[in-house]
Protein backbone atom coordinates (compact mmCIF):
# COMPACT_ATOMS: atom_id res chain seq x y z
CA MET A 1 -9.11 3.55 -36.45
CA SER A 2 -5.67 3.01 -35.27
CA GLU A 3 -2.98 1.58 -37.87
CA ARG A 4 -2.89 -1.63 -35.98
CA ALA A 5 -6.76 -2.05 -36.34
CA GLU A 6 -6.24 -2.47 -39.99
CA ARG A 7 -4.58 -5.84 -40.46
CA PRO A 8 -2.56 -6.18 -43.62
CA ALA A 9 -3.08 -9.43 -45.72
CA LYS A 10 -1.72 -12.71 -44.25
CA LYS A 11 2.08 -12.73 -44.62
CA ARG A 12 3.65 -15.67 -45.86
CA MET A 13 7.33 -17.12 -46.05
CA SER A 14 8.91 -17.87 -49.16
CA PHE A 15 8.38 -21.48 -50.48
CA PHE A 16 11.89 -22.79 -49.51
CA GLU A 17 11.91 -21.14 -45.96
CA ARG A 18 8.28 -22.43 -45.27
CA TYR A 19 9.24 -26.06 -45.95
CA LEU A 20 12.57 -26.05 -44.74
CA THR A 21 12.01 -28.64 -42.18
CA LEU A 22 10.55 -31.07 -45.19
CA TRP A 23 13.77 -30.19 -47.17
CA VAL A 24 15.93 -30.88 -44.16
CA ALA A 25 14.16 -34.12 -43.71
CA LEU A 26 14.74 -35.18 -47.10
CA CYS A 27 18.39 -34.16 -47.14
CA ILE A 28 18.70 -36.39 -44.14
CA ILE A 29 17.07 -39.38 -46.08
CA ALA A 30 18.98 -38.67 -49.23
CA GLY A 31 22.55 -38.25 -47.45
CA THR A 32 21.87 -41.36 -45.49
CA VAL A 33 20.92 -43.48 -48.38
CA ILE A 34 23.86 -42.32 -50.42
CA GLY A 35 26.34 -42.96 -47.55
CA SER A 36 25.03 -46.50 -46.65
CA ARG A 37 24.73 -47.85 -50.25
CA PHE A 38 27.52 -45.97 -52.12
CA PRO A 39 30.66 -45.91 -49.72
CA GLY A 40 32.72 -44.66 -52.78
CA VAL A 41 31.15 -41.05 -52.44
CA VAL A 42 32.53 -41.00 -49.00
CA ASP A 43 35.87 -42.01 -49.96
CA ALA A 44 35.70 -39.23 -52.76
CA LEU A 45 34.82 -36.54 -50.54
CA SER A 46 37.26 -37.38 -47.88
CA ALA A 47 40.10 -37.21 -50.35
CA TYR A 48 39.69 -33.17 -50.57
CA THR A 49 40.69 -32.07 -47.11
CA TYR A 50 42.99 -29.69 -45.83
CA ALA A 51 43.80 -29.23 -42.05
CA GLU A 52 41.06 -31.94 -41.55
CA ILE A 53 38.52 -29.75 -43.09
CA SER A 54 36.55 -30.85 -46.10
CA LEU A 55 37.20 -28.41 -48.89
CA PRO A 56 33.81 -29.06 -50.63
CA ILE A 57 32.12 -28.40 -47.50
CA ALA A 58 34.21 -25.32 -46.86
CA VAL A 59 33.03 -23.93 -50.10
CA LEU A 60 29.35 -24.81 -49.55
CA ILE A 61 29.53 -23.16 -46.03
CA TRP A 62 30.99 -19.96 -47.28
CA LEU A 63 28.16 -19.84 -50.13
CA MET A 64 25.72 -20.53 -47.29
CA ILE A 65 26.99 -17.58 -44.88
CA PHE A 66 28.22 -14.85 -47.39
CA PRO A 67 24.74 -13.79 -48.82
CA MET A 68 23.50 -13.52 -45.39
CA MET A 69 26.36 -11.19 -44.59
CA LEU A 70 25.39 -9.12 -47.47
CA GLN A 71 22.07 -8.08 -45.95
CA ILE A 72 23.62 -6.59 -42.61
CA ASP A 73 23.98 -2.92 -42.76
CA PHE A 74 26.58 -1.82 -40.12
CA ALA A 75 25.76 1.66 -40.42
CA SER A 76 22.41 0.84 -38.66
CA VAL A 77 24.58 0.57 -35.45
CA ARG A 78 24.50 4.36 -35.37
CA ARG A 79 20.93 3.93 -34.37
CA VAL A 80 21.74 1.63 -31.43
CA GLY A 81 20.28 4.13 -29.01
CA GLU A 82 16.80 4.57 -30.40
CA LYS A 83 15.47 1.37 -28.96
CA ARG A 84 17.74 1.07 -25.89
CA GLN A 85 15.50 -0.99 -23.86
CA GLY A 86 15.08 -3.73 -26.64
CA LEU A 87 18.54 -3.97 -27.22
CA VAL A 88 19.38 -4.53 -23.52
CA VAL A 89 16.89 -7.33 -23.57
CA THR A 90 18.62 -8.67 -26.80
CA THR A 91 22.25 -8.59 -25.69
CA VAL A 92 21.69 -9.87 -21.93
CA VAL A 93 19.53 -12.57 -23.05
CA ASN A 94 21.72 -13.56 -26.11
CA TRP A 95 25.11 -13.51 -24.35
CA LEU A 96 24.55 -13.79 -20.62
CA ILE A 97 21.84 -16.11 -20.37
CA LYS A 98 21.06 -18.38 -23.48
CA PRO A 99 24.58 -20.14 -23.81
CA PHE A 100 24.40 -20.95 -20.20
CA THR A 101 20.84 -22.22 -20.11
CA MET A 102 21.57 -24.12 -23.33
CA PHE A 103 24.70 -25.92 -21.64
CA GLY A 104 22.61 -26.78 -18.65
CA ILE A 105 19.60 -28.38 -20.25
CA ALA A 106 21.74 -30.27 -22.69
CA TRP A 107 23.89 -31.58 -20.12
CA LEU A 108 21.10 -32.60 -17.97
CA PHE A 109 19.40 -34.55 -20.79
CA PHE A 110 22.56 -35.95 -22.48
CA ASN A 111 24.20 -37.02 -19.26
CA VAL A 112 21.47 -37.83 -16.68
CA ILE A 113 18.12 -38.30 -18.34
CA PHE A 114 19.15 -40.00 -21.51
CA ALA A 115 22.20 -41.58 -19.84
CA ASP A 116 20.89 -45.07 -20.62
CA LEU A 117 20.32 -44.49 -24.27
CA ILE A 118 23.52 -42.27 -25.07
CA THR A 119 27.00 -43.43 -24.59
CA PRO A 120 29.14 -41.15 -22.71
CA GLU A 121 31.23 -40.07 -25.52
CA LEU A 122 28.03 -39.42 -27.80
CA ALA A 123 26.66 -37.31 -25.01
CA GLN A 124 29.86 -35.29 -25.03
CA GLN A 125 29.54 -34.61 -28.64
CA TYR A 126 25.92 -33.88 -28.66
CA LEU A 127 26.47 -31.44 -25.83
CA ALA A 128 29.05 -29.62 -28.00
CA GLY A 129 26.75 -29.18 -30.81
CA ALA A 130 24.20 -27.87 -28.31
CA VAL A 131 26.47 -25.30 -27.00
CA LEU A 132 27.61 -24.15 -30.53
CA LEU A 133 24.02 -23.39 -31.38
CA GLY A 134 23.32 -21.61 -28.00
CA ALA A 135 26.26 -19.46 -28.51
CA ALA A 136 25.07 -18.28 -32.04
CA PRO A 137 21.83 -16.08 -32.03
CA CYS A 138 20.19 -15.84 -35.45
CA THR A 139 21.58 -13.60 -38.00
CA ALA A 140 19.22 -14.19 -41.19
CA MET A 141 15.92 -16.17 -40.25
CA VAL A 142 15.04 -13.57 -37.56
CA PHE A 143 13.99 -11.09 -40.30
CA VAL A 144 11.45 -13.75 -41.62
CA TRP A 145 10.14 -14.19 -37.96
CA SER A 146 10.02 -10.66 -37.24
CA TYR A 147 8.19 -9.88 -40.57
CA LEU A 148 5.64 -12.52 -39.75
CA ALA A 149 4.96 -10.89 -36.31
CA ASP A 150 4.83 -7.50 -37.70
CA GLY A 151 8.25 -6.51 -36.05
CA ASP A 152 9.90 -3.45 -36.31
CA PRO A 153 12.40 -4.04 -39.33
CA ALA A 154 14.81 -1.22 -38.43
CA TYR A 155 15.01 -2.35 -35.01
CA THR A 156 15.50 -6.10 -36.10
CA LEU A 157 18.53 -4.84 -38.29
CA VAL A 158 20.18 -2.91 -35.70
CA GLN A 159 19.91 -6.01 -33.26
CA VAL A 160 21.43 -8.21 -35.76
CA ALA A 161 24.06 -5.91 -36.45
CA VAL A 162 24.96 -5.54 -32.89
CA ASN A 163 24.84 -9.19 -31.99
CA ASP A 164 27.16 -9.91 -34.96
CA LEU A 165 29.73 -7.57 -33.64
CA ILE A 166 29.42 -9.04 -30.23
CA MET A 167 29.97 -12.54 -31.66
CA LEU A 168 33.14 -11.73 -33.14
CA VAL A 169 34.58 -11.28 -29.69
CA ALA A 170 32.26 -13.42 -27.35
CA PHE A 171 31.64 -16.73 -29.31
CA VAL A 172 35.13 -18.13 -28.88
CA PRO A 173 35.48 -17.45 -25.03
CA ILE A 174 31.96 -18.58 -24.39
CA VAL A 175 32.11 -21.62 -26.15
CA SER A 176 35.51 -22.66 -25.10
CA LEU A 177 34.38 -22.09 -21.42
CA LEU A 178 31.23 -24.18 -21.45
CA LEU A 179 33.11 -26.94 -23.35
CA GLY A 180 35.75 -27.08 -20.94
CA ILE A 181 33.24 -27.24 -18.24
CA GLY A 182 31.59 -30.09 -20.14
CA GLY A 183 34.97 -31.86 -20.48
CA VAL A 184 35.15 -31.42 -24.24
CA PRO A 185 38.62 -30.51 -25.32
CA VAL A 186 38.41 -27.52 -27.88
CA PRO A 187 41.89 -26.01 -28.62
CA TRP A 188 41.74 -22.06 -28.98
CA ASP A 189 43.54 -21.75 -31.87
CA THR A 190 41.22 -24.12 -33.97
CA MET A 191 38.15 -22.45 -32.57
CA ALA A 192 39.53 -18.81 -33.49
CA LEU A 193 40.25 -20.20 -36.94
CA SER A 194 37.04 -21.53 -37.39
CA VAL A 195 35.45 -18.07 -36.47
CA VAL A 196 37.75 -16.22 -38.76
CA LEU A 197 36.94 -18.59 -41.61
CA PHE A 198 33.18 -18.99 -41.20
CA VAL A 199 32.42 -15.25 -39.77
CA VAL A 200 35.20 -12.78 -40.11
CA VAL A 201 35.93 -13.64 -43.57
CA PRO A 202 32.50 -13.67 -45.15
CA LEU A 203 31.37 -10.72 -42.85
CA THR A 204 34.26 -8.48 -44.08
CA ALA A 205 33.59 -9.51 -47.59
CA GLY A 206 30.06 -8.92 -47.31
CA TYR A 207 30.50 -5.61 -45.78
CA PHE A 208 32.93 -4.24 -48.50
CA THR A 209 30.85 -5.85 -51.26
CA ARG A 210 27.63 -4.13 -50.04
CA LYS A 211 29.44 -0.79 -49.51
CA THR A 212 31.12 -0.94 -53.05
CA LEU A 213 27.90 -1.96 -55.00
CA ILE A 214 25.72 0.63 -53.22
CA ALA A 215 28.15 3.35 -53.84
CA ARG A 216 28.17 2.42 -57.62
CA LYS A 217 24.70 1.27 -58.22
CA GLY A 218 22.69 2.54 -55.46
CA LEU A 219 20.65 1.13 -52.49
CA ARG A 220 17.54 0.41 -54.55
CA TRP A 221 19.36 -1.66 -57.03
CA PHE A 222 21.46 -3.46 -54.59
CA GLU A 223 18.19 -4.44 -52.43
CA GLN A 224 15.80 -5.07 -55.44
CA SER A 225 18.27 -6.74 -57.97
CA PHE A 226 21.51 -7.69 -56.42
CA LEU A 227 20.48 -9.33 -53.26
CA PRO A 228 17.46 -11.56 -54.72
CA ARG A 229 20.08 -13.20 -57.05
CA PHE A 230 21.56 -14.71 -53.80
CA GLY A 231 18.47 -15.95 -51.91
CA PRO A 232 18.61 -19.43 -53.56
CA VAL A 233 22.17 -19.71 -53.13
CA THR A 234 22.02 -19.92 -49.28
CA ILE A 235 19.31 -22.47 -49.27
CA VAL A 236 20.92 -24.49 -51.90
CA ALA A 237 24.42 -24.39 -50.09
CA LEU A 238 22.54 -25.30 -46.74
CA LEU A 239 20.57 -28.35 -48.26
CA ALA A 240 23.73 -29.62 -50.14
CA THR A 241 25.75 -29.18 -46.80
CA LEU A 242 23.28 -31.33 -45.13
CA VAL A 243 23.26 -33.93 -47.77
CA ALA A 244 27.21 -34.13 -47.50
CA ILE A 245 27.00 -34.37 -43.73
CA PHE A 246 24.48 -37.12 -43.63
CA ILE A 247 26.46 -38.96 -46.54
CA PHE A 248 29.11 -39.39 -43.69
CA GLN A 249 26.47 -39.78 -40.72
CA GLY A 250 24.41 -42.61 -42.57
CA GLU A 251 25.82 -45.42 -40.60
CA ILE A 252 25.24 -43.66 -37.28
CA ILE A 253 21.63 -42.61 -38.27
CA LEU A 254 20.85 -46.17 -39.13
CA ASP A 255 22.25 -47.65 -35.84
CA ASN A 256 20.76 -44.93 -33.78
CA PRO A 257 17.68 -43.59 -35.44
CA LEU A 258 16.30 -42.56 -31.87
CA HIS A 259 18.97 -39.90 -31.29
CA ILE A 260 17.64 -37.33 -33.46
CA LEU A 261 14.56 -37.24 -31.43
CA LEU A 262 16.54 -37.43 -28.24
CA ILE A 263 18.53 -34.32 -29.42
CA ALA A 264 15.74 -32.60 -30.35
CA ILE A 265 13.86 -32.37 -27.15
CA PRO A 266 16.35 -30.26 -25.05
CA LEU A 267 16.91 -28.03 -28.24
CA SER A 268 13.06 -27.55 -28.39
CA ILE A 269 12.88 -26.66 -24.57
CA GLN A 270 15.63 -24.22 -24.76
CA THR A 271 14.01 -22.51 -27.62
CA PHE A 272 10.70 -21.92 -25.70
CA LEU A 273 12.61 -20.89 -22.56
CA ILE A 274 14.68 -18.30 -24.17
CA PHE A 275 11.75 -16.86 -25.69
CA ALA A 276 9.75 -16.82 -22.44
CA ILE A 277 12.55 -15.02 -20.92
CA ALA A 278 13.22 -12.33 -23.45
CA TYR A 279 9.36 -11.98 -24.36
CA GLY A 280 8.38 -11.90 -20.82
CA TRP A 281 11.21 -9.46 -19.99
CA ALA A 282 9.81 -7.08 -22.80
CA TRP A 283 6.41 -7.32 -21.43
CA LYS A 284 7.55 -6.48 -17.93
CA TRP A 285 9.49 -3.41 -19.33
CA ARG A 286 6.45 -2.27 -21.21
CA ILE A 287 8.28 -2.28 -24.62
CA GLU A 288 6.01 -2.18 -27.56
CA HIS A 289 5.27 -5.28 -29.44
CA PRO A 290 6.98 -4.52 -32.67
CA ILE A 291 10.22 -4.41 -30.59
CA ALA A 292 9.39 -7.21 -27.96
CA ALA A 293 8.57 -9.99 -30.58
CA PRO A 294 12.07 -9.64 -32.66
CA ALA A 295 13.92 -9.31 -29.32
CA GLY A 296 12.38 -12.60 -28.37
CA PHE A 297 12.90 -14.36 -31.68
CA ILE A 298 16.57 -13.57 -32.17
CA GLY A 299 17.40 -15.48 -29.00
CA ALA A 300 15.27 -18.21 -29.43
CA SER A 301 16.38 -18.76 -33.04
CA ASN A 302 20.04 -20.01 -33.80
CA PHE A 303 22.71 -18.98 -36.45
CA PHE A 304 22.76 -22.70 -37.26
CA GLU A 305 24.74 -22.23 -40.46
CA LEU A 306 27.63 -20.90 -38.17
CA ALA A 307 27.12 -23.89 -35.79
CA VAL A 308 27.03 -26.55 -38.34
CA ALA A 309 30.33 -24.89 -39.84
CA VAL A 310 32.21 -24.61 -36.68
CA ALA A 311 31.08 -28.14 -35.67
CA ILE A 312 32.55 -29.78 -38.91
CA ALA A 313 35.73 -27.72 -38.41
CA LEU A 314 36.30 -28.84 -34.70
CA PHE A 315 34.78 -32.08 -34.61
CA GLY A 316 34.37 -33.50 -38.12
CA LEU A 317 31.59 -34.60 -40.75
CA THR A 318 31.10 -37.71 -38.89
CA SER A 319 30.83 -36.10 -35.30
CA GLY A 320 27.93 -36.20 -32.89
CA ALA A 321 28.44 -32.50 -32.51
CA ALA A 322 27.76 -31.96 -36.36
CA LEU A 323 24.63 -34.19 -36.12
CA ALA A 324 23.38 -32.10 -33.19
CA THR A 325 23.71 -28.89 -35.09
CA VAL A 326 21.66 -30.41 -37.98
CA VAL A 327 19.10 -31.26 -35.75
CA GLY A 328 18.77 -27.80 -34.70
CA VAL A 329 18.17 -26.86 -38.27
CA LEU A 330 15.36 -29.70 -38.57
CA VAL A 331 13.44 -28.20 -35.69
CA GLU A 332 14.12 -24.59 -36.47
CA VAL A 333 11.02 -23.92 -38.74
CA PRO A 334 8.34 -25.67 -36.63
CA LEU A 335 9.34 -24.33 -33.44
CA MET A 336 9.71 -20.76 -34.51
CA LEU A 337 6.43 -20.51 -36.46
CA SER A 338 4.77 -21.70 -33.06
CA LEU A 339 6.51 -18.61 -31.27
CA VAL A 340 5.26 -16.38 -34.10
CA TRP A 341 1.78 -17.66 -33.36
CA ILE A 342 2.33 -17.12 -29.84
CA ALA A 343 3.43 -13.46 -30.50
CA ASN A 344 0.69 -12.51 -32.66
CA ARG A 345 -1.81 -13.93 -30.10
CA THR A 346 -0.33 -11.93 -27.34
CA ARG A 347 -0.07 -8.85 -29.28
CA GLY A 348 -2.73 -7.19 -26.98
CA ALA A 349 -0.81 -7.63 -23.91
CA PHE A 350 1.94 -5.13 -25.03
CA PRO A 351 1.39 -1.42 -25.04
CA GLU A 352 0.76 -0.02 -28.50
CA ARG A 353 2.15 3.18 -29.84
CA ALA A 354 -0.78 5.74 -29.53
CA ALA A 355 -2.03 6.77 -32.78
CA ARG A 356 -2.24 10.51 -33.02
CA PRO A 357 -6.03 11.34 -33.54
CA ALA A 358 -6.97 13.55 -36.28
CA GLN A 359 -8.22 17.10 -35.13
CA GLY A 360 -11.66 17.08 -33.43
CA GLU A 361 -11.63 13.17 -33.20
CA PRO A 362 -11.08 12.93 -29.45
CA SER A 363 -14.03 15.03 -28.45
CA ALA A 364 -16.17 12.93 -30.54
CA THR A 365 -14.95 9.61 -28.97
CA VAL A 366 -13.86 10.39 -25.67
CA VAL A 367 -16.27 12.38 -23.24
CA ARG A 368 -15.06 13.57 -19.90
CA VAL A 369 -17.48 13.94 -17.26
CA GLY A 370 -16.80 17.37 -15.38
CA ARG A 371 -14.50 17.02 -12.34
CA GLY A 372 -15.07 13.41 -12.08
CA MET A 373 -17.20 10.72 -10.18
CA ARG A 374 -15.74 8.43 -7.60
CA THR A 375 -14.93 5.09 -9.16
CA PRO A 376 -15.28 1.58 -7.63
CA ALA A 377 -11.58 2.05 -6.49
CA GLY A 378 -12.34 4.99 -4.50
CA THR A 379 -10.60 7.51 -6.75
CA GLU A 380 -12.27 10.29 -8.66
CA CYS A 381 -11.81 10.12 -12.32
CA GLY A 382 -13.18 12.43 -15.17
CA TYR A 383 -13.83 9.42 -17.34
CA TYR A 384 -15.78 7.26 -15.14
CA TYR A 385 -19.70 7.61 -14.96
CA GLU A 386 -22.38 5.85 -12.96
CA ASP A 387 -26.05 5.98 -12.63
CA LEU A 388 -27.64 4.11 -9.60
CA HIS A 389 -30.67 6.09 -9.06
CA ARG A 390 -34.57 4.90 -9.61
CA GLY A 391 -33.23 1.32 -9.80
CA ALA A 392 -30.67 1.90 -12.50
CA GLU A 393 -27.56 0.17 -12.36
CA ARG A 394 -25.33 1.92 -15.16
CA ARG A 395 -21.56 2.12 -14.87
CA GLU A 396 -19.12 2.83 -17.57
CA CYS A 397 -15.59 4.02 -18.46
CA ARG A 398 -15.60 6.51 -21.08
CA ALA A 399 -11.85 6.41 -21.76
CA ALA A 400 -11.95 2.71 -22.74
CA ARG A 401 -12.09 3.34 -26.28
CA ALA A 402 -8.99 2.21 -27.96
CA ALA A 403 -8.98 -0.23 -30.88
CA ARG A 404 -9.20 -3.97 -29.68
CA SER A 405 -9.71 -2.96 -26.16
CA LEU A 406 -11.44 -5.80 -24.24
CA PRO A 407 -14.84 -4.75 -22.43
CA TRP A 408 -14.38 -2.77 -19.15
CA ARG A 409 -15.12 -4.19 -15.98
CA PRO A 410 -15.32 -2.00 -12.62
CA SER A 411 -12.52 -3.92 -11.12
CA ASP A 412 -10.25 -2.52 -13.99
CA CYS A 413 -10.45 0.75 -12.07
CA GLY A 414 -8.18 -0.79 -9.25
CA ARG A 415 -5.16 -0.83 -11.74
CA CYS A 416 -5.93 2.18 -13.94
CA PRO A 417 -3.57 5.05 -13.89
CA VAL A 418 -5.91 7.64 -15.44
CA PRO A 419 -6.93 9.24 -12.15
CA GLU A 420 -3.31 10.06 -11.14
CA ILE A 421 -2.66 11.23 -14.81
CA LEU A 422 -5.62 13.77 -14.85
CA LEU A 423 -4.59 14.96 -11.22
CA ARG A 424 -0.81 15.69 -12.52
CA SER A 425 -1.34 16.52 -16.04
CA GLY A 426 -5.02 16.73 -16.82
CA GLY A 427 -6.15 19.91 -18.60
CA PRO A 428 -8.90 21.00 -21.25
CA ASP A 429 -6.52 19.94 -24.13
CA PHE A 430 -5.45 16.69 -22.68
CA GLY A 431 -6.86 13.77 -24.26
CA VAL A 432 -6.91 9.89 -22.68
CA ARG A 433 -7.84 6.84 -24.14
CA THR A 434 -7.41 3.55 -22.38
CA ALA A 435 -7.34 -0.13 -23.63
CA ILE A 436 -8.02 -3.18 -21.38
CA ARG A 437 -5.68 -5.99 -22.43
CA ALA A 438 -5.38 -9.75 -21.10
CA LEU A 439 -2.01 -10.61 -19.73
CA PRO A 440 -0.41 -13.65 -21.42
CA PHE A 441 -2.29 -16.89 -20.75
CA GLY A 442 -5.35 -14.96 -19.53
CA LEU A 443 -4.15 -14.69 -15.67
CA ALA A 444 -4.87 -11.19 -15.23
CA ARG A 445 -5.97 -7.71 -17.16
CA SER A 446 -3.87 -4.70 -17.51
CA VAL A 447 -4.83 -0.99 -18.58
CA ARG A 448 -2.91 0.59 -21.11
CA VAL A 449 -3.10 4.42 -21.55
CA GLU A 450 -2.76 6.48 -24.76
CA CYS A 451 -2.62 10.36 -24.25
CA TRP A 452 -2.21 13.21 -26.52
CA CYS A 453 -2.43 17.01 -26.65
CA GLU A 454 -5.35 18.22 -28.80
CA ARG A 455 -3.78 21.77 -28.69
CA HIS A 456 -0.54 20.74 -30.12
CA LEU A 457 -1.59 17.54 -31.87
CA LEU A 458 0.91 15.71 -30.01
CA GLU A 459 1.28 12.23 -28.61
CA VAL A 460 2.13 12.33 -24.95
CA ALA A 461 4.74 9.62 -24.26
CA GLU A 462 5.01 10.49 -20.51
CA PRO A 463 1.54 11.14 -19.43
CA LEU A 464 2.44 11.84 -15.75
CA GLU A 465 4.92 14.82 -17.07
CA GLY A 466 2.24 16.15 -19.37
CA CYS A 467 2.43 17.70 -22.73
CA PRO A 468 6.00 18.63 -23.21
CA ALA A 469 4.84 21.45 -25.80
CA CYS A 470 2.44 22.84 -23.19
CA ARG A 471 4.98 22.60 -20.41
CA ALA A 472 7.57 24.63 -22.41
CA GLU A 473 4.91 27.25 -23.16
CA ALA A 474 4.18 27.51 -19.44
CA GLU A 475 7.88 27.80 -18.51
CA GLU A 476 8.04 30.35 -21.11
CA LEU A 477 5.12 32.35 -19.69
CA LEU A 478 6.61 32.05 -15.99
CA ARG A 479 10.01 33.39 -17.21
CA ARG A 480 8.35 36.38 -18.95
CA ALA A 481 6.26 37.05 -16.12
CA SER A 482 9.33 36.84 -13.85
CA GLN A 483 11.20 39.30 -16.10
CA THR A 484 8.15 41.66 -16.12
CA GLY A 485 8.16 41.69 -12.37
CA GLU A 486 11.76 42.39 -12.05
CA THR A 487 11.42 45.49 -14.58
CA THR A 488 8.57 46.83 -12.62
CA SER A 489 10.19 46.48 -9.12
CA ASP A 490 13.30 48.39 -10.72
């Protein structure tokens, strides 16, 4: 039985994470009520500002971001070459596609489709908030989504570290470019200062804190004792920030309650679109599901803590941009849980890492029929068998034995690569097992192949090239034969 056939117990999010949407909704209600009925609170918070930045909000934002930066292990960047295809998908989608699709979708909805419902001034503000979300790929919650979809934790860590490093140099120019196209004036110095305050400073502090504590106490103490203490800090700081935002936004919400829905619509469309692009690209490249799933999640999800912080710093607590980023927080959990569900349901469409069989297992589960019979596709295959004599009508594929494979159909032979693999690499020690999978939405079927060498008990990653150990032995025999021939001739 393969490792994936044995499903672990159902995975769950933490209490706060699972009900984040509810907490955000309660913060909206609490902040709106406080702001509308107790105007003195607004005046009190406004009194503590520096360079148009609310100091209480700045403290809350740092408390919100710093614990997440502690989790990032930049030493993992050294493993960047191990999952090269997944990182290509992540990097291209997050930085060359996602910000621009977010801008296009938001501009279309706020300036055209919803033009009769939103004033031009608010449309610009909402566009700015959407762009800030689109230019900030997820840093923390992606670990949760990856965990729920059985993603590769090592790859998830690497892609987060790589994207955070890219964010340091790409966030400011991309946001400035898109907001400039949208007619939203943003000074470069203010934008750069925001990134320094809310990315560079907590990132640097997190890096040195992590490095120092691990050197003194060890990695196990850091991860099991120190980090868990900061888990509630991020959530509480986030919720307190949202309450403060809606204390200032209360009047706007009461006057325009429909606007939250209007903002949520383009953000939701963007989330599903980016996931479809990244996840579909990974499927097209035959990337394994534990890599494909987190590659899709990191772009679909947002670093909303950074987006909220920059929106407040650039446009203020009462701005439409700040409201738009908060709506991003509101819709994050239900949208991402739906994508986790999609990823888990379509797992079978992706190639699985072939489980190396125990010695003797292949001969008990896969029976090869001599040189092979002619398949319905017209090719000869050692794993195809049919018996059409004396009224019998029996056809079967004796390689389609992988765990969770769909029932074999004769039409599957037309897309099966096994005959070519056997022609080029087949031998008495070469084992083959196939899995029939349904492609996304059930539009077609595919044949995934797992190959191994019984002689060396090795998984064969490139079936058309054969077992690398057997190939090396053959090359060594040829080399020795060549040397023997030269010696005899001399």
